[in-house]
Amino acid sequence: MAVHRFGLGEPSLEPVGRDALGWLLSQIGPADTQRGDASTGSTQALRLYAALVPGQNQARRASPGAAAPMAGVAEAAEAGPAPGGRSGDAVLVTRLRDTQATDVRARLVTAATTARPFAERMALFWANHFTVSMAKASARGIVGAFEREAVRPHVAGRFETLLQVAVTHPGMLRYLDNDLSAGPDSLLVQRLARRARGGERTPRVSGLNENLAREVLELHTLGAGAGCTQVDMTEFAAVLTGWRVALADPEPATRFDPAWHQGGPQSILGRLYPDGAEALTLVLRDLAAHPATAHHICTKLARHLVADVPPAAQVAVDGTLGTDHGSGGDAFVLGGAVRGGRVLADWPGLAKAQRFEGRDLRITTPTCAPCSAPCWPSTCACRAPRSTPRCYRARPACRRCRC
């Protein structure tokens, strides 16, 4: 049962032997390096795509009604070489397709030959959870790099770390158009408006794009129906402005550009976050520790490994109400035990005596004396000191913003 429920199927049960639990525990950790020739990193993929941009623009001008930005270039490649040899764009498109095919082949070969199918199963789960698809032209060539760089090293670590890395990866920023999102009051928009008033033809900027904000809130963390409002979506989209991918010089591949950022503090789920690049780290940290996130993630894990309709009590009891105790940040809350002192659990059920306060996985983070719960920071997101450094449950309001 362990081989099929937690793994990918085995040609032989010999590796499992009589100790299925030990077989699973031995696999916990970062996913293996993919087998095969897939080695294209984000920087290489972005440079390859950047070389196609001039051809895309030319095709778009020639066929304004083209269905996709790469349509004209792709059709030219499929039509065969031009007299005298292949065009530069056709060669680049072929290289891009070869990269995609190599990435797909590496994923399949790794899944078929791995000696750690449980770890590979979790890598596939998290790659699906943080979806970046090659179906979108702007993400082609970078999907494999996203899985290798953002997902596979973090499948058994803290969910907060996985979330931070996935959301700021250039593959995610391009797939959900965040690198085209500009604050309505940003320096860039103001500068373009001045140039347009002077009669100058300016690049088209789409303005504030909520794709990534909505995906993070409703799919990656809290889940749909968790109480997010449209205001929360818009404010989070403002926090995300400025996080872009520079195709011309993709080192580093992801960077924060203040000229595109919507300045000023933003309020999300009732909490105020400061202006600037630091705000995104703070928002993602709080979303990772939110009880709704724990419930959403545990429900998906139970569906993936147990049943399409997991028992409600199982999801509600096994750690999903306990993020205020500090254990909700661990991505791995199942499978027996997590090595290294993270979480100790007898999944899929814990006896009540084994649960902290009868409902939560036991905490493994530093605690404060008043309530034996992890301490809340003594400073607010706006950097003003709180009135008294007390524990999470009795945290006082910030003197400046009253959050």
Protein backbone atom coordinates (compact mmCIF):
# COMPACT_ATOMS: atom_id res chain seq x y z
CA MET A 1 0.00 0.00 0.00
CA ALA A 2 2.83 2.43 0.83
CA VAL A 3 4.38 1.89 -2.60
CA HIS A 4 1.21 2.90 -4.44
CA ARG A 5 -0.24 5.48 -2.06
CA PHE A 6 2.95 7.41 -1.32
CA GLY A 7 5.17 6.46 -4.24
CA LEU A 8 4.96 6.03 -8.00
CA GLY A 9 4.70 2.26 -8.13
CA GLU A 10 7.67 -0.12 -7.90
CA PRO A 11 8.65 -3.02 -10.18
CA SER A 12 9.62 -4.90 -7.03
CA LEU A 13 8.74 -4.68 -3.34
CA GLU A 14 12.24 -5.76 -2.37
CA PRO A 15 13.41 -2.18 -1.54
CA VAL A 16 10.46 -1.82 0.86
CA GLY A 17 10.86 -5.12 2.64
CA ARG A 18 8.91 -5.42 5.90
CA ASP A 19 9.48 -1.83 6.99
CA ALA A 20 7.26 0.37 4.84
CA LEU A 21 7.47 3.27 7.30
CA GLY A 22 11.25 3.13 7.35
CA TRP A 23 11.26 3.04 3.56
CA LEU A 24 9.22 6.25 3.49
CA LEU A 25 11.25 8.00 6.18
CA SER A 26 14.51 7.29 4.38
CA GLN A 27 13.27 9.31 1.40
CA ILE A 28 12.41 12.54 3.22
CA GLY A 29 14.55 15.40 2.06
CA PRO A 30 15.16 17.49 -1.06
CA ALA A 31 14.22 15.81 -4.32
CA ASP A 32 17.02 14.18 -6.32
CA THR A 33 18.76 16.01 -9.11
CA GLN A 34 16.88 15.27 -12.31
CA ARG A 35 18.34 12.61 -14.56
CA GLY A 36 19.12 13.34 -18.18
CA ASP A 37 20.46 16.39 -19.97
CA ALA A 38 18.14 19.04 -18.51
CA SER A 39 20.43 21.73 -17.17
CA THR A 40 19.16 25.00 -18.65
CA GLY A 41 18.94 27.56 -15.85
CA SER A 42 16.72 30.62 -15.58
CA THR A 43 19.36 32.98 -16.94
CA GLN A 44 20.01 30.83 -20.03
CA ALA A 45 16.28 30.41 -20.70
CA LEU A 46 15.60 34.13 -20.38
CA ARG A 47 18.45 34.99 -22.74
CA LEU A 48 17.15 32.51 -25.28
CA TYR A 49 13.67 34.01 -25.10
CA ALA A 50 15.06 37.56 -25.22
CA ALA A 51 16.73 36.76 -28.53
CA LEU A 52 13.26 35.98 -29.95
CA VAL A 53 11.68 39.26 -28.90
CA PRO A 54 12.64 41.23 -32.05
CA GLY A 55 11.09 38.51 -34.21
CA GLN A 56 7.96 38.50 -32.04
CA ASN A 57 7.56 42.24 -32.42
CA GLN A 58 8.00 42.03 -36.18
CA ALA A 59 5.43 39.22 -36.44
CA ARG A 60 2.99 41.16 -34.27
CA ARG A 61 3.27 44.24 -36.47
CA ALA A 62 2.77 42.14 -39.61
CA SER A 63 -0.20 40.23 -38.13
CA PRO A 64 -1.93 42.39 -35.49
CA GLY A 65 -4.55 39.69 -34.91
CA ALA A 66 -2.06 36.93 -34.12
CA ALA A 67 -3.36 34.57 -31.43
CA ALA A 68 -0.14 34.50 -29.44
CA PRO A 69 3.04 36.56 -29.25
CA MET A 70 5.14 33.73 -30.68
CA ALA A 71 2.67 32.70 -33.38
CA GLY A 72 4.39 34.41 -36.28
CA VAL A 73 7.82 33.17 -35.30
CA ALA A 74 6.60 29.60 -34.69
CA GLU A 75 4.80 29.47 -38.03
CA ALA A 76 7.93 30.67 -39.78
CA ALA A 77 9.92 27.90 -38.14
CA GLU A 78 7.39 25.23 -39.11
CA ALA A 79 7.32 26.42 -42.70
CA GLY A 80 10.88 25.22 -43.14
CA PRO A 81 14.13 26.97 -43.97
CA ALA A 82 14.13 29.99 -46.18
CA PRO A 83 16.12 29.88 -49.43
CA GLY A 84 19.79 29.92 -48.60
CA GLY A 85 19.40 28.55 -45.09
CA ARG A 86 17.34 28.86 -41.91
CA SER A 87 16.48 32.21 -40.39
CA GLY A 88 17.92 33.16 -37.03
CA ASP A 89 14.44 33.12 -35.47
CA ALA A 90 13.77 29.60 -36.76
CA VAL A 91 17.00 28.38 -35.16
CA LEU A 92 16.09 30.03 -31.85
CA VAL A 93 12.60 28.52 -31.87
CA THR A 94 14.11 25.10 -32.46
CA ARG A 95 16.49 25.59 -29.54
CA LEU A 96 13.58 26.65 -27.35
CA ARG A 97 11.58 23.58 -28.29
CA ASP A 98 14.59 21.35 -27.71
CA THR A 99 14.94 22.84 -24.23
CA GLN A 100 11.29 22.13 -23.47
CA ALA A 101 11.53 18.56 -24.76
CA THR A 102 14.68 17.93 -22.71
CA ASP A 103 12.94 19.23 -19.56
CA VAL A 104 9.91 16.99 -20.10
CA ARG A 105 12.10 13.98 -20.80
CA ALA A 106 14.16 14.60 -17.65
CA ARG A 107 11.04 14.74 -15.50
CA LEU A 108 9.68 11.47 -16.90
CA VAL A 109 13.00 9.61 -16.73
CA THR A 110 13.57 10.76 -13.15
CA ALA A 111 10.10 9.62 -12.06
CA ALA A 112 10.53 6.24 -13.77
CA THR A 113 14.00 5.45 -12.41
CA THR A 114 14.21 7.15 -9.01
CA ALA A 115 15.03 5.12 -5.92
CA ARG A 116 13.13 7.72 -3.85
CA PRO A 117 9.60 7.74 -5.33
CA PHE A 118 8.08 9.34 -2.23
CA ALA A 119 10.36 12.38 -2.58
CA GLU A 120 9.65 12.49 -6.31
CA ARG A 121 5.92 12.29 -5.65
CA MET A 122 6.16 15.33 -3.38
CA ALA A 123 8.22 17.18 -5.99
CA LEU A 124 5.46 16.59 -8.53
CA PHE A 125 2.83 17.66 -6.01
CA TRP A 126 4.51 20.99 -5.26
CA ALA A 127 5.34 21.63 -8.92
CA ASN A 128 1.63 21.25 -9.63
CA HIS A 129 0.66 23.41 -6.64
CA PHE A 130 2.91 26.25 -7.82
CA THR A 131 1.99 25.87 -11.47
CA VAL A 132 4.11 27.46 -14.19
CA SER A 133 3.00 26.17 -17.58
CA MET A 134 4.77 26.15 -20.92
CA ALA A 135 1.35 26.66 -22.51
CA LYS A 136 2.03 30.37 -22.08
CA ALA A 137 4.53 31.68 -24.60
CA SER A 138 6.35 34.00 -22.20
CA ALA A 139 7.12 31.08 -19.85
CA ARG A 140 8.40 28.66 -22.46
CA GLY A 141 11.91 27.45 -21.82
CA ILE A 142 11.89 28.39 -18.14
CA VAL A 143 9.38 25.86 -16.75
CA GLY A 144 11.99 23.17 -16.20
CA ALA A 145 14.33 25.67 -14.56
CA PHE A 146 11.50 26.73 -12.23
CA GLU A 147 11.00 23.16 -11.03
CA ARG A 148 14.73 22.53 -10.59
CA GLU A 149 15.50 25.83 -8.84
CA ALA A 150 12.36 26.71 -6.87
CA VAL A 151 10.60 23.42 -6.11
CA ARG A 152 12.82 20.37 -5.95
CA PRO A 153 15.35 21.68 -3.36
CA HIS A 154 12.54 22.69 -0.95
CA VAL A 155 9.97 19.88 -1.03
CA ALA A 156 10.74 18.76 2.53
CA GLY A 157 11.56 22.12 4.05
CA ARG A 158 9.45 24.95 5.40
CA PHE A 159 6.43 25.96 3.38
CA GLU A 160 7.31 29.62 3.91
CA THR A 161 10.68 29.10 2.21
CA LEU A 162 9.09 27.25 -0.71
CA LEU A 163 6.47 30.00 -1.07
CA GLN A 164 9.03 32.82 -1.05
CA VAL A 165 11.26 31.13 -3.63
CA ALA A 166 8.40 30.09 -5.93
CA VAL A 167 6.63 33.46 -5.98
CA THR A 168 9.78 35.46 -6.75
CA HIS A 169 11.17 33.05 -9.34
CA PRO A 170 11.36 34.59 -12.83
CA GLY A 171 9.28 31.73 -14.20
CA MET A 172 6.37 32.61 -11.91
CA LEU A 173 6.72 36.35 -12.49
CA ARG A 174 6.59 35.88 -16.26
CA TYR A 175 3.88 33.21 -16.27
CA LEU A 176 1.48 35.45 -14.31
CA ASP A 177 2.56 38.72 -15.98
CA ASN A 178 3.89 40.37 -12.84
CA ASP A 179 6.91 41.69 -14.70
CA LEU A 180 4.44 43.83 -16.70
CA SER A 181 2.56 45.13 -13.66
CA ALA A 182 3.11 48.80 -12.85
CA GLY A 183 1.57 50.80 -10.04
CA PRO A 184 -0.89 53.47 -11.27
CA ASP A 185 1.07 56.09 -9.33
CA SER A 186 4.51 54.64 -10.04
CA LEU A 187 7.36 56.72 -11.41
CA LEU A 188 7.21 54.77 -14.68
CA VAL A 189 3.52 55.52 -15.30
CA GLN A 190 4.01 59.18 -14.42
CA ARG A 191 6.99 59.44 -16.77
CA LEU A 192 5.10 57.81 -19.66
CA ALA A 193 2.11 60.08 -19.06
CA ARG A 194 4.32 63.16 -19.34
CA ARG A 195 5.86 61.89 -22.56
CA ALA A 196 2.44 61.08 -24.02
CA ARG A 197 1.17 64.58 -23.23
CA GLY A 198 4.13 65.94 -25.17
CA GLY A 199 3.04 64.00 -28.25
CA GLU A 200 5.69 61.31 -27.94
CA ARG A 201 4.78 57.72 -28.76
CA THR A 202 5.30 55.66 -25.60
CA PRO A 203 5.38 51.91 -24.84
CA ARG A 204 2.08 50.39 -23.78
CA VAL A 205 1.97 49.58 -20.05
CA SER A 206 -1.00 47.49 -18.89
CA GLY A 207 -1.02 49.00 -15.39
CA LEU A 208 -1.72 47.04 -12.21
CA ASN A 209 -1.97 43.31 -12.89
CA GLU A 210 -3.65 41.14 -10.24
CA ASN A 211 -2.87 37.72 -11.72
CA LEU A 212 -0.08 36.77 -9.32
CA ALA A 213 -1.78 38.31 -6.28
CA ARG A 214 -4.98 36.33 -6.92
CA GLU A 215 -3.07 33.12 -7.59
CA VAL A 216 -1.02 33.40 -4.39
CA LEU A 217 -4.01 34.18 -2.18
CA GLU A 218 -6.59 31.79 -3.65
CA LEU A 219 -4.44 28.89 -4.87
CA HIS A 220 -1.00 28.92 -3.25
CA THR A 221 -1.93 29.89 0.32
CA LEU A 222 -5.35 30.71 1.84
CA GLY A 223 -7.59 29.08 -0.74
CA ALA A 224 -10.74 30.41 -2.34
CA GLY A 225 -13.43 31.42 0.13
CA ALA A 226 -10.99 32.19 2.94
CA GLY A 227 -12.26 35.74 3.38
CA CYS A 228 -10.06 37.67 0.94
CA THR A 229 -11.75 40.73 -0.51
CA GLN A 230 -11.12 42.51 -3.78
CA VAL A 231 -9.39 45.22 -1.77
CA ASP A 232 -6.95 42.62 -0.41
CA MET A 233 -6.25 41.45 -3.97
CA THR A 234 -5.58 44.98 -5.19
CA GLU A 235 -3.40 45.89 -2.22
CA PHE A 236 -1.35 42.71 -2.59
CA ALA A 237 -0.97 43.37 -6.33
CA ALA A 238 0.43 46.78 -5.36
CA VAL A 239 2.95 45.12 -3.03
CA LEU A 240 4.02 42.87 -5.93
CA THR A 241 4.63 45.75 -8.34
CA GLY A 242 8.29 46.29 -9.07
CA TRP A 243 9.18 42.59 -8.88
CA ARG A 244 10.27 42.05 -12.46
CA VAL A 245 12.38 39.98 -14.83
CA ALA A 246 14.93 41.85 -16.93
CA LEU A 247 15.28 40.00 -20.23
CA ALA A 248 18.07 42.25 -21.49
CA ASP A 249 20.34 41.52 -18.52
CA PRO A 250 18.97 38.55 -16.51
CA GLU A 251 21.61 38.51 -13.78
CA PRO A 252 20.08 38.44 -11.29
CA ALA A 253 17.06 36.99 -13.07
CA THR A 254 14.62 38.55 -10.57
CA ARG A 255 15.01 42.09 -9.30
CA PHE A 256 12.99 44.82 -7.63
CA ASP A 257 12.55 47.94 -9.76
CA PRO A 258 11.33 50.88 -7.63
CA ALA A 259 10.24 52.79 -10.76
CA TRP A 260 7.45 50.24 -11.36
CA HIS A 261 6.41 49.99 -7.71
CA GLN A 262 3.20 51.43 -6.29
CA GLY A 263 4.53 53.36 -3.32
CA GLY A 264 3.03 53.67 0.14
CA PRO A 265 1.93 51.21 2.83
CA GLN A 266 -0.63 48.55 1.87
CA SER A 267 -3.25 46.86 4.08
CA ILE A 268 -3.84 43.15 3.48
CA LEU A 269 -6.17 41.05 5.63
CA GLY A 270 -6.28 43.83 8.20
CA ARG A 271 -2.53 44.21 8.59
CA LEU A 272 -0.46 47.16 7.34
CA TYR A 273 2.73 46.51 5.40
CA PRO A 274 5.49 49.03 4.64
CA ASP A 275 6.50 50.45 1.30
CA GLY A 276 9.28 48.86 -0.72
CA ALA A 277 10.75 45.45 -1.54
CA GLU A 278 10.67 44.27 2.09
CA ALA A 279 6.86 44.19 2.13
CA LEU A 280 6.60 41.10 -0.09
CA THR A 281 8.71 39.00 2.30
CA LEU A 282 6.53 40.09 5.22
CA VAL A 283 3.25 39.37 3.41
CA LEU A 284 4.34 35.91 2.28
CA ARG A 285 5.60 35.09 5.78
CA ASP A 286 2.21 35.95 7.27
CA LEU A 287 0.29 34.08 4.55
CA ALA A 288 2.39 30.96 5.15
CA ALA A 289 1.52 31.07 8.87
CA HIS A 290 -2.20 31.74 8.39
CA PRO A 291 -4.58 29.00 9.66
CA ALA A 292 -6.51 29.04 6.36
CA THR A 293 -3.28 28.24 4.50
CA ALA A 294 -2.61 25.22 6.72
CA HIS A 295 -6.15 23.94 6.14
CA HIS A 296 -5.91 24.48 2.39
CA ILE A 297 -2.52 22.78 2.05
CA CYS A 298 -3.37 19.84 4.30
CA THR A 299 -6.61 19.28 2.39
CA LYS A 300 -4.69 19.15 -0.90
CA LEU A 301 -2.11 16.76 0.56
CA ALA A 302 -4.84 14.49 1.91
CA ARG A 303 -6.58 14.48 -1.46
CA HIS A 304 -3.32 13.71 -3.20
CA LEU A 305 -2.29 10.85 -0.92
CA VAL A 306 -5.45 9.55 0.77
CA ALA A 307 -8.73 10.16 -1.04
CA ASP A 308 -10.42 12.66 -3.33
CA VAL A 309 -12.78 13.48 -0.46
CA PRO A 310 -10.62 13.19 2.68
CA PRO A 311 -12.37 12.83 6.06
CA ALA A 312 -13.07 16.33 7.36
CA ALA A 313 -11.94 15.40 10.86
CA GLN A 314 -8.59 14.25 9.53
CA VAL A 315 -7.95 17.56 7.81
CA ALA A 316 -9.29 19.65 10.70
CA VAL A 317 -7.38 17.84 13.45
CA ASP A 318 -3.99 16.97 12.04
CA GLY A 319 -2.24 20.27 12.55
CA THR A 320 -4.45 22.41 10.35
CA LEU A 321 -5.78 24.58 13.16
CA GLY A 322 -2.44 25.03 14.78
CA THR A 323 -0.45 27.54 12.77
CA ASP A 324 -0.56 29.91 15.72
CA HIS A 325 1.69 27.41 17.48
CA GLY A 326 4.44 27.72 14.92
CA SER A 327 4.30 24.31 13.24
CA GLY A 328 2.23 25.39 10.25
CA GLY A 329 5.29 26.58 8.35
CA ASP A 330 6.59 23.06 7.85
CA ALA A 331 5.65 21.80 4.42
CA PHE A 332 5.98 18.19 5.52
CA VAL A 333 3.30 17.31 8.08
CA LEU A 334 2.78 13.70 7.11
CA GLY A 335 4.56 10.44 6.51
CA GLY A 336 5.44 9.44 10.06
CA ALA A 337 8.29 11.70 11.20
CA VAL A 338 10.38 14.46 9.74
CA ARG A 339 14.04 14.10 10.56
CA GLY A 340 15.94 16.98 12.12
CA GLY A 341 13.45 17.88 14.84
CA ARG A 342 10.84 19.53 12.67
CA VAL A 343 7.58 17.62 13.16
CA LEU A 344 6.88 14.31 14.86
CA ALA A 345 3.62 12.81 13.68
CA ASP A 346 1.94 9.44 13.26
CA TRP A 347 0.03 10.38 10.12
CA PRO A 348 -2.81 10.17 9.07
CA GLY A 349 -3.95 10.36 12.71
CA LEU A 350 -2.53 11.52 16.00
CA ALA A 351 -3.86 10.40 19.35
CA LYS A 352 -5.25 13.34 21.26
CA ALA A 353 -2.54 12.98 23.91
CA GLN A 354 0.07 13.42 21.20
CA ARG A 355 -1.37 16.73 19.99
CA PHE A 356 -0.44 20.09 21.48
CA GLU A 357 -3.50 21.41 23.34
CA GLY A 358 -5.37 18.42 21.96
CA ARG A 359 -5.42 19.69 18.39
CA ASP A 360 -2.03 20.69 17.02
CA LEU A 361 1.31 19.21 16.06
CA ARG A 362 3.79 19.84 18.83
CA ILE A 363 5.73 23.06 18.42
CA THR A 364 9.43 23.02 17.66
CA THR A 365 10.11 26.78 17.54
CA PRO A 366 11.29 29.04 20.39
CA THR A 367 8.43 29.91 22.72
CA CYS A 368 7.62 32.62 25.23
CA ALA A 369 6.80 31.92 28.84
CA PRO A 370 3.27 33.39 29.18
CA CYS A 371 1.52 30.88 26.89
CA SER A 372 4.23 28.50 25.60
CA ALA A 373 3.52 29.69 22.05
CA PRO A 374 5.98 31.15 19.53
CA CYS A 375 6.72 34.79 20.23
CA TRP A 376 5.22 37.51 18.05
CA PRO A 377 7.80 40.02 16.78
CA SER A 378 8.28 42.98 19.06
CA THR A 379 8.09 45.39 16.13
CA CYS A 380 5.27 46.01 13.70
CA ALA A 381 5.50 45.85 9.92
CA CYS A 382 5.68 49.64 9.98
CA ARG A 383 8.80 49.25 12.18
CA ALA A 384 7.25 51.00 15.16
CA PRO A 385 7.88 49.24 18.49
CA ARG A 386 4.88 47.58 20.05
CA SER A 387 3.72 48.85 23.42
CA THR A 388 5.02 45.75 25.22
CA PRO A 389 6.80 42.67 23.82
CA ARG A 390 4.27 40.03 24.77
CA CYS A 391 3.26 36.71 23.27
CA TYR A 392 1.44 36.04 20.01
CA ARG A 393 -2.00 35.55 21.50
CA ALA A 394 -1.93 38.67 23.60
CA ARG A 395 -0.03 40.80 21.11
CA PRO A 396 -0.72 44.49 21.68
CA ALA A 397 -1.68 46.96 19.00
CA CYS A 398 1.07 48.91 17.30
CA ARG A 399 1.26 52.46 18.63
CA ARG A 400 1.57 53.91 15.14
CA CYS A 401 -0.79 52.00 12.86
CA ARG A 402 -2.92 50.11 15.44
CA CYS A 403 -2.52 46.86 13.50
